[in-house]
Amino acid sequence: PVAIVLAALSTAPPDAKAQSSSGDAEQEVLA
């Protein structure tokens, strides 16, 4: 399951990553 989650996060479309407000969402996921 961890591998599946990490794979899903790494394959997000480029524009979806750009929409995160100053990386807050990314930091929450990484935490």
All heavy atoms as atom14 arrays in JSON, in Angstrom:
{
  "sequence": "PVAIVLAALSTAPPDAKAQSSSGDAEQEVLA",
  "atom14_mask": [
    [1, 1, 1, 1, 1, 1, 1, 0, 0, 0, 0, 0, 0, 0],
    [1, 1, 1, 1, 1, 1, 1, 0, 0, 0, 0, 0, 0, 0],
    [1, 1, 1, 1, 1, 0, 0, 0, 0, 0, 0, 0, 0, 0],
    [1, 1, 1, 1, 1, 1, 1, 1, 0, 0, 0, 0, 0, 0],
    [1, 1, 1, 1, 1, 1, 1, 0, 0, 0, 0, 0, 0, 0],
    [1, 1, 1, 1, 1, 1, 1, 1, 0, 0, 0, 0, 0, 0],
    [1, 1, 1, 1, 1, 0, 0, 0, 0, 0, 0, 0, 0, 0],
    [1, 1, 1, 1, 1, 0, 0, 0, 0, 0, 0, 0, 0, 0],
    [1, 1, 1, 1, 1, 1, 1, 1, 0, 0, 0, 0, 0, 0],
    [1, 1, 1, 1, 1, 1, 0, 0, 0, 0, 0, 0, 0, 0],
    [1, 1, 1, 1, 1, 1, 1, 0, 0, 0, 0, 0, 0, 0],
    [1, 1, 1, 1, 1, 0, 0, 0, 0, 0, 0, 0, 0, 0],
    [1, 1, 1, 1, 1, 1, 1, 0, 0, 0, 0, 0, 0, 0],
    [1, 1, 1, 1, 1, 1, 1, 0, 0, 0, 0, 0, 0, 0],
    [1, 1, 1, 1, 1, 1, 1, 1, 0, 0, 0, 0, 0, 0],
    [1, 1, 1, 1, 1, 0, 0, 0, 0, 0, 0, 0, 0, 0],
    [1, 1, 1, 1, 1, 1, 1, 1, 1, 0, 0, 0, 0, 0],
    [1, 1, 1, 1, 1, 0, 0, 0, 0, 0, 0, 0, 0, 0],
    [1, 1, 1, 1, 1, 1, 1, 1, 1, 0, 0, 0, 0, 0],
    [1, 1, 1, 1, 1, 1, 0, 0, 0, 0, 0, 0, 0, 0],
    [1, 1, 1, 1, 1, 1, 0, 0, 0, 0, 0, 0, 0, 0],
    [1, 1, 1, 1, 1, 1, 0, 0, 0, 0, 0, 0, 0, 0],
    [1, 1, 1, 1, 0, 0, 0, 0, 0, 0, 0, 0, 0, 0],
    [1, 1, 1, 1, 1, 1, 1, 1, 0, 0, 0, 0, 0, 0],
    [1, 1, 1, 1, 1, 0, 0, 0, 0, 0, 0, 0, 0, 0],
    [1, 1, 1, 1, 1, 1, 1, 1, 1, 0, 0, 0, 0, 0],
    [1, 1, 1, 1, 1, 1, 1, 1, 1, 0, 0, 0, 0, 0],
    [1, 1, 1, 1, 1, 1, 1, 1, 1, 0, 0, 0, 0, 0],
    [1, 1, 1, 1, 1, 1, 1, 0, 0, 0, 0, 0, 0, 0],
    [1, 1, 1, 1, 1, 1, 1, 1, 0, 0, 0, 0, 0, 0],
    [1, 1, 1, 1, 1, 0, 0, 0, 0, 0, 0, 0, 0, 0]
  ],
  "atom14_positions": [
    [[0.81, -1.22, 0.0], [0.0, 0.0, 0.0], [0.85, 1.28, 0.0], [0.5, 2.25, -0.65], [-0.82, -0.1, 1.28], [-0.84, -1.55, 1.62], [0.45, -2.11, 1.1], [0.0, 0.0, 0.0], [0.0, 0.0, 0.0], [0.0, 0.0, 0.0], [0.0, 0.0, 0.0], [0.0, 0.0, 0.0], [0.0, 0.0, 0.0], [0.0, 0.0, 0.0]],
    [[1.96, 1.24, 0.72], [2.84, 2.42, 0.75], [3.39, 2.67, -0.64], [3.43, 3.81, -1.12], [3.98, 2.23, 1.78], [5.02, 3.32, 1.63], [3.41, 2.22, 3.17], [0.0, 0.0, 0.0], [0.0, 0.0, 0.0], [0.0, 0.0, 0.0], [0.0, 0.0, 0.0], [0.0, 0.0, 0.0], [0.0, 0.0, 0.0], [0.0, 0.0, 0.0]],
    [[3.81, 1.62, -1.33], [4.35, 1.77, -2.68], [3.29, 2.31, -3.63], [3.57, 3.16, -4.48], [4.87, 0.43, -3.19], [0.0, 0.0, 0.0], [0.0, 0.0, 0.0], [0.0, 0.0, 0.0], [0.0, 0.0, 0.0], [0.0, 0.0, 0.0], [0.0, 0.0, 0.0], [0.0, 0.0, 0.0], [0.0, 0.0, 0.0], [0.0, 0.0, 0.0]],
    [[2.05, 1.86, -3.47], [0.96, 2.34, -4.33], [0.71, 3.82, -4.1], [0.56, 4.59, -5.04], [-0.32, 1.51, -4.09], [-0.11, 0.08, -4.6], [-1.52, 2.15, -4.75], [-1.2, -0.89, -4.2], [0.0, 0.0, 0.0], [0.0, 0.0, 0.0], [0.0, 0.0, 0.0], [0.0, 0.0, 0.0], [0.0, 0.0, 0.0], [0.0, 0.0, 0.0]],
    [[0.68, 4.23, -2.83], [0.45, 5.64, -2.51], [1.58, 6.51, -3.07], [1.33, 7.56, -3.68], [0.31, 5.84, -0.98], [0.35, 7.31, -0.62], [-0.96, 5.2, -0.49], [0.0, 0.0, 0.0], [0.0, 0.0, 0.0], [0.0, 0.0, 0.0], [0.0, 0.0, 0.0], [0.0, 0.0, 0.0], [0.0, 0.0, 0.0], [0.0, 0.0, 0.0]],
    [[2.81, 6.09, -2.88], [3.93, 6.87, -3.38], [3.94, 6.94, -4.9], [4.23, 7.99, -5.47], [5.25, 6.3, -2.87], [5.49, 6.44, -1.37], [6.77, 5.74, -0.96], [5.49, 7.89, -0.94], [0.0, 0.0, 0.0], [0.0, 0.0, 0.0], [0.0, 0.0, 0.0], [0.0, 0.0, 0.0], [0.0, 0.0, 0.0], [0.0, 0.0, 0.0]],
    [[3.57, 5.85, -5.56], [3.5, 5.87, -7.02], [2.41, 6.81, -7.5], [2.59, 7.56, -8.46], [3.27, 4.46, -7.55], [0.0, 0.0, 0.0], [0.0, 0.0, 0.0], [0.0, 0.0, 0.0], [0.0, 0.0, 0.0], [0.0, 0.0, 0.0], [0.0, 0.0, 0.0], [0.0, 0.0, 0.0], [0.0, 0.0, 0.0], [0.0, 0.0, 0.0]],
    [[1.28, 6.8, -6.82], [0.17, 7.68, -7.21], [0.56, 9.15, -7.02], [0.22, 10.0, -7.85], [-1.08, 7.36, -6.39], [0.0, 0.0, 0.0], [0.0, 0.0, 0.0], [0.0, 0.0, 0.0], [0.0, 0.0, 0.0], [0.0, 0.0, 0.0], [0.0, 0.0, 0.0], [0.0, 0.0, 0.0], [0.0, 0.0, 0.0], [0.0, 0.0, 0.0]],
    [[1.27, 9.44, -5.95], [1.68, 10.82, -5.71], [2.71, 11.3, -6.73], [2.7, 12.46, -7.13], [2.26, 10.96, -4.3], [1.27, 10.83, -3.16], [2.01, 10.83, -1.83], [0.24, 11.93, -3.19], [0.0, 0.0, 0.0], [0.0, 0.0, 0.0], [0.0, 0.0, 0.0], [0.0, 0.0, 0.0], [0.0, 0.0, 0.0], [0.0, 0.0, 0.0]],
    [[3.56, 10.4, -7.15], [4.61, 10.81, -8.08], [4.12, 10.94, -9.52], [4.8, 11.54, -10.34], [5.78, 9.82, -8.03], [5.37, 8.57, -8.55], [0.0, 0.0, 0.0], [0.0, 0.0, 0.0], [0.0, 0.0, 0.0], [0.0, 0.0, 0.0], [0.0, 0.0, 0.0], [0.0, 0.0, 0.0], [0.0, 0.0, 0.0], [0.0, 0.0, 0.0]],
    [[2.95, 10.41, -9.83], [2.43, 10.47, -11.2], [1.36, 11.53, -11.37], [0.64, 11.53, -12.36], [1.87, 9.1, -11.64], [0.82, 8.73, -10.75], [2.96, 8.06, -11.67], [0.0, 0.0, 0.0], [0.0, 0.0, 0.0], [0.0, 0.0, 0.0], [0.0, 0.0, 0.0], [0.0, 0.0, 0.0], [0.0, 0.0, 0.0], [0.0, 0.0, 0.0]],
    [[1.23, 12.43, -10.42], [0.23, 13.5, -10.54], [0.57, 14.4, -11.72], [1.74, 14.64, -12.01], [0.2, 14.34, -9.25], [0.0, 0.0, 0.0], [0.0, 0.0, 0.0], [0.0, 0.0, 0.0], [0.0, 0.0, 0.0], [0.0, 0.0, 0.0], [0.0, 0.0, 0.0], [0.0, 0.0, 0.0], [0.0, 0.0, 0.0], [0.0, 0.0, 0.0]],
    [[-0.45, 14.88, -12.44], [-0.19, 15.77, -13.56], [0.57, 17.01, -13.13], [0.4, 17.48, -12.01], [-1.58, 16.16, -14.06], [-2.55, 15.31, -13.34], [-1.85, 14.66, -12.2], [0.0, 0.0, 0.0], [0.0, 0.0, 0.0], [0.0, 0.0, 0.0], [0.0, 0.0, 0.0], [0.0, 0.0, 0.0], [0.0, 0.0, 0.0], [0.0, 0.0, 0.0]],
    [[1.43, 17.57, -13.99], [2.23, 18.73, -13.61], [1.4, 19.92, -13.13], [1.78, 20.6, -12.21], [2.99, 19.09, -14.89], [2.96, 17.86, -15.72], [1.73, 17.11, -15.33], [0.0, 0.0, 0.0], [0.0, 0.0, 0.0], [0.0, 0.0, 0.0], [0.0, 0.0, 0.0], [0.0, 0.0, 0.0], [0.0, 0.0, 0.0], [0.0, 0.0, 0.0]],
    [[0.25, 20.16, -13.76], [-0.55, 21.3, -13.34], [-1.18, 21.09, -11.97], [-1.44, 22.04, -11.25], [-1.61, 21.65, -14.38], [-2.61, 20.51, -14.6], [-2.25, 19.34, -14.37], [-3.74, 20.81, -15.0], [0.0, 0.0, 0.0], [0.0, 0.0, 0.0], [0.0, 0.0, 0.0], [0.0, 0.0, 0.0], [0.0, 0.0, 0.0], [0.0, 0.0, 0.0]],
    [[-1.42, 19.85, -11.57], [-1.97, 19.59, -10.24], [-0.95, 19.95, -9.18], [-1.29, 20.47, -8.13], [-2.37, 18.12, -10.11], [0.0, 0.0, 0.0], [0.0, 0.0, 0.0], [0.0, 0.0, 0.0], [0.0, 0.0, 0.0], [0.0, 0.0, 0.0], [0.0, 0.0, 0.0], [0.0, 0.0, 0.0], [0.0, 0.0, 0.0], [0.0, 0.0, 0.0]],
    [[0.32, 19.68, -9.44], [1.36, 20.03, -8.48], [1.51, 21.54, -8.38], [1.77, 22.07, -7.32], [2.68, 19.4, -8.89], [2.7, 17.9, -8.72], [4.03, 17.32, -9.12], [4.03, 15.81, -8.98], [5.29, 15.23, -9.41], [0.0, 0.0, 0.0], [0.0, 0.0, 0.0], [0.0, 0.0, 0.0], [0.0, 0.0, 0.0], [0.0, 0.0, 0.0]],
    [[1.32, 22.25, -9.48], [1.48, 23.7, -9.5], [0.35, 24.39, -8.74], [0.51, 25.51, -8.28], [1.53, 24.2, -10.93], [0.0, 0.0, 0.0], [0.0, 0.0, 0.0], [0.0, 0.0, 0.0], [0.0, 0.0, 0.0], [0.0, 0.0, 0.0], [0.0, 0.0, 0.0], [0.0, 0.0, 0.0], [0.0, 0.0, 0.0], [0.0, 0.0, 0.0]],
    [[-0.8, 23.72, -8.57], [-1.93, 24.34, -7.92], [-1.81, 24.38, -6.41], [-2.52, 25.1, -5.75], [-3.22, 23.6, -8.31], [-3.62, 23.81, -9.74], [-4.84, 22.98, -10.12], [-5.36, 22.23, -9.32], [-5.3, 23.16, -11.33], [0.0, 0.0, 0.0], [0.0, 0.0, 0.0], [0.0, 0.0, 0.0], [0.0, 0.0, 0.0], [0.0, 0.0, 0.0]],
    [[-0.91, 23.59, -5.84], [-0.77, 23.58, -4.39], [-0.24, 24.94, -3.94], [0.7, 25.47, -4.49], [0.14, 22.46, -3.92], [1.46, 22.71, -4.3], [0.0, 0.0, 0.0], [0.0, 0.0, 0.0], [0.0, 0.0, 0.0], [0.0, 0.0, 0.0], [0.0, 0.0, 0.0], [0.0, 0.0, 0.0], [0.0, 0.0, 0.0], [0.0, 0.0, 0.0]],
    [[-0.86, 25.47, -2.92], [-0.48, 26.79, -2.45], [0.83, 26.71, -1.69], [0.87, 26.21, -0.58], [-1.59, 27.38, -1.58], [-1.82, 26.56, -0.47], [0.0, 0.0, 0.0], [0.0, 0.0, 0.0], [0.0, 0.0, 0.0], [0.0, 0.0, 0.0], [0.0, 0.0, 0.0], [0.0, 0.0, 0.0], [0.0, 0.0, 0.0], [0.0, 0.0, 0.0]],
    [[1.87, 27.18, -2.32], [3.23, 27.27, -1.77], [3.7, 25.98, -1.1], [4.38, 26.0, -0.1], [3.34, 28.45, -0.81], [2.58, 28.22, 0.36], [0.0, 0.0, 0.0], [0.0, 0.0, 0.0], [0.0, 0.0, 0.0], [0.0, 0.0, 0.0], [0.0, 0.0, 0.0], [0.0, 0.0, 0.0], [0.0, 0.0, 0.0], [0.0, 0.0, 0.0]],
    [[3.3, 24.87, -1.65], [3.79, 23.59, -1.17], [3.19, 23.1, 0.13], [3.66, 22.11, 0.68], [0.0, 0.0, 0.0], [0.0, 0.0, 0.0], [0.0, 0.0, 0.0], [0.0, 0.0, 0.0], [0.0, 0.0, 0.0], [0.0, 0.0, 0.0], [0.0, 0.0, 0.0], [0.0, 0.0, 0.0], [0.0, 0.0, 0.0], [0.0, 0.0, 0.0]],
    [[2.14, 23.76, 0.63], [1.54, 23.34, 1.9], [0.96, 21.93, 1.79], [1.18, 21.1, 2.68], [0.44, 24.3, 2.33], [0.99, 25.66, 2.75], [2.19, 25.72, 3.09], [0.23, 26.64, 2.71], [0.0, 0.0, 0.0], [0.0, 0.0, 0.0], [0.0, 0.0, 0.0], [0.0, 0.0, 0.0], [0.0, 0.0, 0.0], [0.0, 0.0, 0.0]],
    [[0.24, 21.66, 0.72], [-0.37, 20.34, 0.55], [0.71, 19.28, 0.44], [0.59, 18.19, 1.02], [-1.27, 20.33, -0.68], [0.0, 0.0, 0.0], [0.0, 0.0, 0.0], [0.0, 0.0, 0.0], [0.0, 0.0, 0.0], [0.0, 0.0, 0.0], [0.0, 0.0, 0.0], [0.0, 0.0, 0.0], [0.0, 0.0, 0.0], [0.0, 0.0, 0.0]],
    [[1.76, 19.59, -0.28], [2.86, 18.62, -0.43], [3.51, 18.33, 0.91], [3.81, 17.18, 1.22], [3.89, 19.16, -1.41], [5.01, 18.19, -1.69], [5.98, 18.71, -2.73], [5.63, 19.62, -3.5], [7.11, 18.2, -2.76], [0.0, 0.0, 0.0], [0.0, 0.0, 0.0], [0.0, 0.0, 0.0], [0.0, 0.0, 0.0], [0.0, 0.0, 0.0]],
    [[3.7, 19.34, 1.72], [4.31, 19.15, 3.03], [3.42, 18.3, 3.93], [3.92, 17.49, 4.72], [4.6, 20.51, 3.69], [5.68, 21.29, 2.99], [6.99, 20.54, 2.92], [7.45, 19.95, 3.89], [7.6, 20.53, 1.75], [0.0, 0.0, 0.0], [0.0, 0.0, 0.0], [0.0, 0.0, 0.0], [0.0, 0.0, 0.0], [0.0, 0.0, 0.0]],
    [[2.1, 18.48, 3.83], [1.17, 17.68, 4.63], [1.25, 16.21, 4.25], [1.27, 15.33, 5.11], [-0.26, 18.19, 4.46], [-0.52, 19.53, 5.1], [-1.92, 20.04, 4.83], [-2.8, 19.22, 4.48], [-2.15, 21.25, 4.97], [0.0, 0.0, 0.0], [0.0, 0.0, 0.0], [0.0, 0.0, 0.0], [0.0, 0.0, 0.0], [0.0, 0.0, 0.0]],
    [[1.3, 15.94, 2.95], [1.4, 14.55, 2.47], [2.71, 13.94, 2.92], [2.74, 12.8, 3.41], [1.25, 14.49, 0.94], [1.58, 13.11, 0.42], [-0.15, 14.9, 0.52], [0.0, 0.0, 0.0], [0.0, 0.0, 0.0], [0.0, 0.0, 0.0], [0.0, 0.0, 0.0], [0.0, 0.0, 0.0], [0.0, 0.0, 0.0], [0.0, 0.0, 0.0]],
    [[3.8, 14.67, 2.77], [5.1, 14.15, 3.18], [5.16, 13.87, 4.68], [5.79, 12.91, 5.11], [6.21, 15.11, 2.77], [6.47, 15.21, 1.27], [7.49, 16.3, 0.97], [6.91, 13.89, 0.7], [0.0, 0.0, 0.0], [0.0, 0.0, 0.0], [0.0, 0.0, 0.0], [0.0, 0.0, 0.0], [0.0, 0.0, 0.0], [0.0, 0.0, 0.0]],
    [[4.48, 14.68, 5.47], [4.45, 14.46, 6.91], [3.75, 13.15, 7.25], [4.2, 12.4, 8.12], [3.76, 15.63, 7.62], [0.0, 0.0, 0.0], [0.0, 0.0, 0.0], [0.0, 0.0, 0.0], [0.0, 0.0, 0.0], [0.0, 0.0, 0.0], [0.0, 0.0, 0.0], [0.0, 0.0, 0.0], [0.0, 0.0, 0.0], [0.0, 0.0, 0.0]]
  ]
}
